[in-house]
Amino acid sequence: MARHELVDVESAALGQANTSSEALFELGLMYATGRSVQTNLISAHKWFNLAAMRGNRDAVRYRREIAAEMSETDIAEAQRAARDWMLAH
């Protein structure tokens, strides 16, 4: 996926309050695996957290797995980012 397509996916997720848990989960996977983007566990945790809040059970498991690899500071940053996203959308 080209970088501009990723921006389109994120923009779609950011622009809709009713974004599906699957779309949010997919963003988490992209950042967790480095698929089309640089691996970023903070971003992955954020997207998995949002997907989990929308009922995605896989997101709960993946969020837990990557949290085991993150510092408490990084987890707090990811949680803040998820809260900020929720407040904005």
N, C-alpha and C. Protein backbone atom coordinates (compact mmCIF):
# COMPACT_ATOMS: atom_id res chain seq x y z
N MET A 1 0.86 -1.17 0.00
CA MET A 1 0.00 0.00 0.00
C MET A 1 0.90 1.23 0.00
N ALA A 2 0.61 2.14 -0.85
CA ALA A 2 1.40 3.37 -0.93
C ALA A 2 1.11 4.25 0.27
N ARG A 3 2.07 5.13 0.55
CA ARG A 3 1.92 6.02 1.71
C ARG A 3 0.66 6.87 1.62
N HIS A 4 0.33 7.38 0.44
CA HIS A 4 -0.87 8.21 0.32
C HIS A 4 -2.14 7.40 0.59
N GLU A 5 -2.12 6.10 0.26
CA GLU A 5 -3.27 5.26 0.56
C GLU A 5 -3.44 5.09 2.05
N LEU A 6 -2.31 4.98 2.78
CA LEU A 6 -2.37 4.86 4.23
C LEU A 6 -2.98 6.11 4.83
N VAL A 7 -2.58 7.26 4.34
CA VAL A 7 -3.14 8.52 4.82
C VAL A 7 -4.64 8.53 4.58
N ASP A 8 -5.07 8.01 3.43
CA ASP A 8 -6.51 7.92 3.14
C ASP A 8 -7.22 7.02 4.14
N VAL A 9 -6.62 5.89 4.48
CA VAL A 9 -7.21 4.97 5.44
C VAL A 9 -7.31 5.64 6.81
N GLU A 10 -6.22 6.28 7.26
CA GLU A 10 -6.25 6.95 8.54
C GLU A 10 -7.24 8.10 8.54
N SER A 11 -7.30 8.84 7.46
CA SER A 11 -8.24 9.95 7.37
C SER A 11 -9.67 9.45 7.45
N ALA A 12 -9.94 8.34 6.80
CA ALA A 12 -11.28 7.77 6.87
C ALA A 12 -11.60 7.38 8.30
N ALA A 13 -10.64 6.76 8.97
CA ALA A 13 -10.86 6.36 10.36
C ALA A 13 -11.02 7.58 11.25
N LEU A 14 -10.23 8.59 10.98
CA LEU A 14 -10.29 9.78 11.81
C LEU A 14 -11.54 10.60 11.55
N GLY A 15 -12.09 10.47 10.37
CA GLY A 15 -13.20 11.33 10.02
C GLY A 15 -14.58 10.79 10.34
N GLN A 16 -14.65 9.59 10.86
CA GLN A 16 -15.96 9.00 11.10
C GLN A 16 -16.09 8.53 12.53
N ALA A 17 -17.07 9.04 13.22
CA ALA A 17 -17.30 8.62 14.60
C ALA A 17 -17.74 7.17 14.67
N ASN A 18 -18.33 6.66 13.61
CA ASN A 18 -18.83 5.29 13.61
C ASN A 18 -17.91 4.34 12.85
N THR A 19 -16.64 4.63 12.82
CA THR A 19 -15.68 3.77 12.14
C THR A 19 -15.76 2.36 12.72
N SER A 20 -15.73 1.38 11.86
CA SER A 20 -15.87 0.00 12.32
C SER A 20 -14.66 -0.45 13.13
N SER A 21 -14.91 -1.40 14.00
CA SER A 21 -13.81 -1.95 14.79
C SER A 21 -12.80 -2.63 13.87
N GLU A 22 -13.28 -3.18 12.75
CA GLU A 22 -12.37 -3.84 11.81
C GLU A 22 -11.40 -2.85 11.17
N ALA A 23 -11.87 -1.67 10.81
CA ALA A 23 -10.99 -0.66 10.22
C ALA A 23 -9.95 -0.21 11.24
N LEU A 24 -10.37 -0.01 12.47
CA LEU A 24 -9.44 0.40 13.52
C LEU A 24 -8.44 -0.73 13.81
N PHE A 25 -8.93 -1.96 13.83
CA PHE A 25 -8.07 -3.12 14.04
C PHE A 25 -7.03 -3.22 12.93
N GLU A 26 -7.45 -2.99 11.70
CA GLU A 26 -6.54 -3.06 10.56
C GLU A 26 -5.42 -2.02 10.69
N LEU A 27 -5.75 -0.83 11.16
CA LEU A 27 -4.71 0.18 11.40
C LEU A 27 -3.74 -0.30 12.47
N GLY A 28 -4.26 -0.92 13.51
CA GLY A 28 -3.39 -1.48 14.54
C GLY A 28 -2.44 -2.51 13.97
N LEU A 29 -2.96 -3.39 13.13
CA LEU A 29 -2.10 -4.40 12.50
C LEU A 29 -1.02 -3.77 11.64
N MET A 30 -1.39 -2.75 10.91
CA MET A 30 -0.42 -2.09 10.04
C MET A 30 0.76 -1.55 10.85
N TYR A 31 0.46 -0.88 11.95
CA TYR A 31 1.52 -0.31 12.77
C TYR A 31 2.27 -1.36 13.58
N ALA A 32 1.59 -2.43 13.98
CA ALA A 32 2.25 -3.48 14.76
C ALA A 32 3.23 -4.28 13.92
N THR A 33 2.89 -4.46 12.64
CA THR A 33 3.72 -5.30 11.78
C THR A 33 4.62 -4.52 10.85
N GLY A 34 4.41 -3.21 10.76
CA GLY A 34 5.20 -2.42 9.84
C GLY A 34 4.76 -2.60 8.40
N ARG A 35 3.52 -2.97 8.21
CA ARG A 35 2.99 -3.16 6.85
C ARG A 35 2.64 -1.80 6.26
N SER A 36 3.44 -1.37 5.29
CA SER A 36 3.26 -0.11 4.58
C SER A 36 3.60 1.12 5.42
N VAL A 37 3.99 0.92 6.65
CA VAL A 37 4.39 2.02 7.54
C VAL A 37 5.55 1.54 8.40
N GLN A 38 6.21 2.47 9.04
CA GLN A 38 7.24 2.09 10.00
C GLN A 38 6.55 1.51 11.24
N THR A 39 7.08 0.41 11.76
CA THR A 39 6.51 -0.18 12.97
C THR A 39 6.49 0.85 14.09
N ASN A 40 5.34 0.94 14.75
CA ASN A 40 5.17 1.90 15.84
C ASN A 40 4.20 1.30 16.84
N LEU A 41 4.72 0.77 17.95
CA LEU A 41 3.88 0.09 18.92
C LEU A 41 2.92 1.03 19.63
N ILE A 42 3.31 2.29 19.79
CA ILE A 42 2.41 3.26 20.41
C ILE A 42 1.18 3.46 19.54
N SER A 43 1.39 3.66 18.25
CA SER A 43 0.26 3.81 17.33
C SER A 43 -0.55 2.53 17.24
N ALA A 44 0.13 1.39 17.19
CA ALA A 44 -0.57 0.11 17.13
C ALA A 44 -1.46 -0.07 18.37
N HIS A 45 -0.92 0.22 19.53
CA HIS A 45 -1.68 0.09 20.78
C HIS A 45 -2.90 1.01 20.75
N LYS A 46 -2.70 2.23 20.28
CA LYS A 46 -3.80 3.19 20.17
C LYS A 46 -4.93 2.62 19.33
N TRP A 47 -4.61 2.14 18.12
CA TRP A 47 -5.64 1.64 17.22
C TRP A 47 -6.28 0.36 17.75
N PHE A 48 -5.48 -0.53 18.34
CA PHE A 48 -6.05 -1.73 18.93
C PHE A 48 -6.97 -1.37 20.10
N ASN A 49 -6.58 -0.38 20.88
CA ASN A 49 -7.40 0.06 22.00
C ASN A 49 -8.75 0.57 21.50
N LEU A 50 -8.73 1.38 20.46
CA LEU A 50 -9.98 1.90 19.90
C LEU A 50 -10.84 0.78 19.33
N ALA A 51 -10.22 -0.17 18.64
CA ALA A 51 -10.95 -1.31 18.10
C ALA A 51 -11.54 -2.16 19.23
N ALA A 52 -10.78 -2.33 20.30
CA ALA A 52 -11.26 -3.10 21.44
C ALA A 52 -12.47 -2.42 22.08
N MET A 53 -12.43 -1.10 22.16
CA MET A 53 -13.57 -0.37 22.72
C MET A 53 -14.82 -0.53 21.86
N ARG A 54 -14.61 -0.86 20.60
CA ARG A 54 -15.75 -1.08 19.69
C ARG A 54 -16.12 -2.56 19.61
N GLY A 55 -15.54 -3.36 20.50
CA GLY A 55 -15.95 -4.76 20.61
C GLY A 55 -15.11 -5.78 19.87
N ASN A 56 -13.97 -5.40 19.33
CA ASN A 56 -13.14 -6.34 18.58
C ASN A 56 -12.30 -7.16 19.57
N ARG A 57 -12.62 -8.45 19.68
CA ARG A 57 -11.92 -9.32 20.64
C ARG A 57 -10.46 -9.56 20.26
N ASP A 58 -10.18 -9.66 18.98
CA ASP A 58 -8.79 -9.84 18.56
C ASP A 58 -7.94 -8.64 18.97
N ALA A 59 -8.53 -7.46 18.89
CA ALA A 59 -7.80 -6.24 19.27
C ALA A 59 -7.42 -6.27 20.74
N VAL A 60 -8.27 -6.82 21.58
CA VAL A 60 -7.96 -6.93 23.01
C VAL A 60 -6.71 -7.78 23.19
N ARG A 61 -6.67 -8.90 22.51
CA ARG A 61 -5.52 -9.81 22.62
C ARG A 61 -4.24 -9.18 22.06
N TYR A 62 -4.33 -8.57 20.90
CA TYR A 62 -3.14 -7.95 20.29
C TYR A 62 -2.65 -6.79 21.14
N ARG A 63 -3.57 -5.99 21.66
CA ARG A 63 -3.17 -4.87 22.51
C ARG A 63 -2.40 -5.38 23.72
N ARG A 64 -2.87 -6.45 24.33
CA ARG A 64 -2.20 -7.04 25.49
C ARG A 64 -0.81 -7.54 25.11
N GLU A 65 -0.70 -8.18 23.95
CA GLU A 65 0.58 -8.73 23.52
C GLU A 65 1.61 -7.63 23.27
N ILE A 66 1.22 -6.56 22.60
CA ILE A 66 2.21 -5.51 22.33
C ILE A 66 2.50 -4.69 23.58
N ALA A 67 1.53 -4.59 24.49
CA ALA A 67 1.76 -3.86 25.74
C ALA A 67 2.88 -4.53 26.54
N ALA A 68 3.02 -5.85 26.42
CA ALA A 68 4.07 -6.57 27.12
C ALA A 68 5.46 -6.16 26.63
N GLU A 69 5.53 -5.58 25.44
CA GLU A 69 6.79 -5.15 24.85
C GLU A 69 7.04 -3.65 25.02
N MET A 70 6.09 -2.95 25.66
CA MET A 70 6.16 -1.49 25.76
C MET A 70 6.48 -1.06 27.19
N SER A 71 7.04 0.12 27.32
CA SER A 71 7.25 0.70 28.64
C SER A 71 5.93 1.29 29.15
N GLU A 72 5.85 1.52 30.43
CA GLU A 72 4.64 2.14 30.99
C GLU A 72 4.41 3.53 30.40
N THR A 73 5.49 4.24 30.13
CA THR A 73 5.39 5.57 29.52
C THR A 73 4.79 5.48 28.12
N ASP A 74 5.25 4.50 27.34
CA ASP A 74 4.71 4.31 25.99
C ASP A 74 3.23 3.92 26.02
N ILE A 75 2.86 3.06 26.95
CA ILE A 75 1.46 2.66 27.08
C ILE A 75 0.60 3.87 27.44
N ALA A 76 1.09 4.68 28.36
CA ALA A 76 0.34 5.89 28.75
C ALA A 76 0.18 6.83 27.56
N GLU A 77 1.23 6.96 26.75
CA GLU A 77 1.15 7.81 25.56
C GLU A 77 0.11 7.27 24.57
N ALA A 78 0.09 5.96 24.39
CA ALA A 78 -0.88 5.34 23.49
C ALA A 78 -2.30 5.54 24.01
N GLN A 79 -2.49 5.41 25.31
CA GLN A 79 -3.81 5.60 25.90
C GLN A 79 -4.27 7.06 25.76
N ARG A 80 -3.35 7.99 25.94
CA ARG A 80 -3.69 9.41 25.73
C ARG A 80 -4.11 9.65 24.29
N ALA A 81 -3.36 9.07 23.36
CA ALA A 81 -3.68 9.25 21.94
C ALA A 81 -5.07 8.68 21.62
N ALA A 82 -5.40 7.55 22.21
CA ALA A 82 -6.73 6.96 21.98
C ALA A 82 -7.82 7.86 22.57
N ARG A 83 -7.58 8.38 23.78
CA ARG A 83 -8.56 9.29 24.38
C ARG A 83 -8.73 10.54 23.55
N ASP A 84 -7.62 11.09 23.07
CA ASP A 84 -7.69 12.29 22.23
C ASP A 84 -8.50 12.02 20.96
N TRP A 85 -8.29 10.86 20.37
CA TRP A 85 -9.03 10.49 19.17
C TRP A 85 -10.52 10.40 19.49
N MET A 86 -10.85 9.78 20.62
CA MET A 86 -12.26 9.64 21.00
C MET A 86 -12.89 11.02 21.24
N LEU A 87 -12.17 11.92 21.86
CA LEU A 87 -12.71 13.26 22.12
C LEU A 87 -12.91 14.04 20.83
N ALA A 88 -12.04 13.82 19.86
CA ALA A 88 -12.12 14.54 18.59
C ALA A 88 -13.18 13.96 17.66
N HIS A 89 -13.58 12.71 17.91
CA HIS A 89 -14.52 12.05 16.99
C HIS A 89 -15.66 11.50 17.74
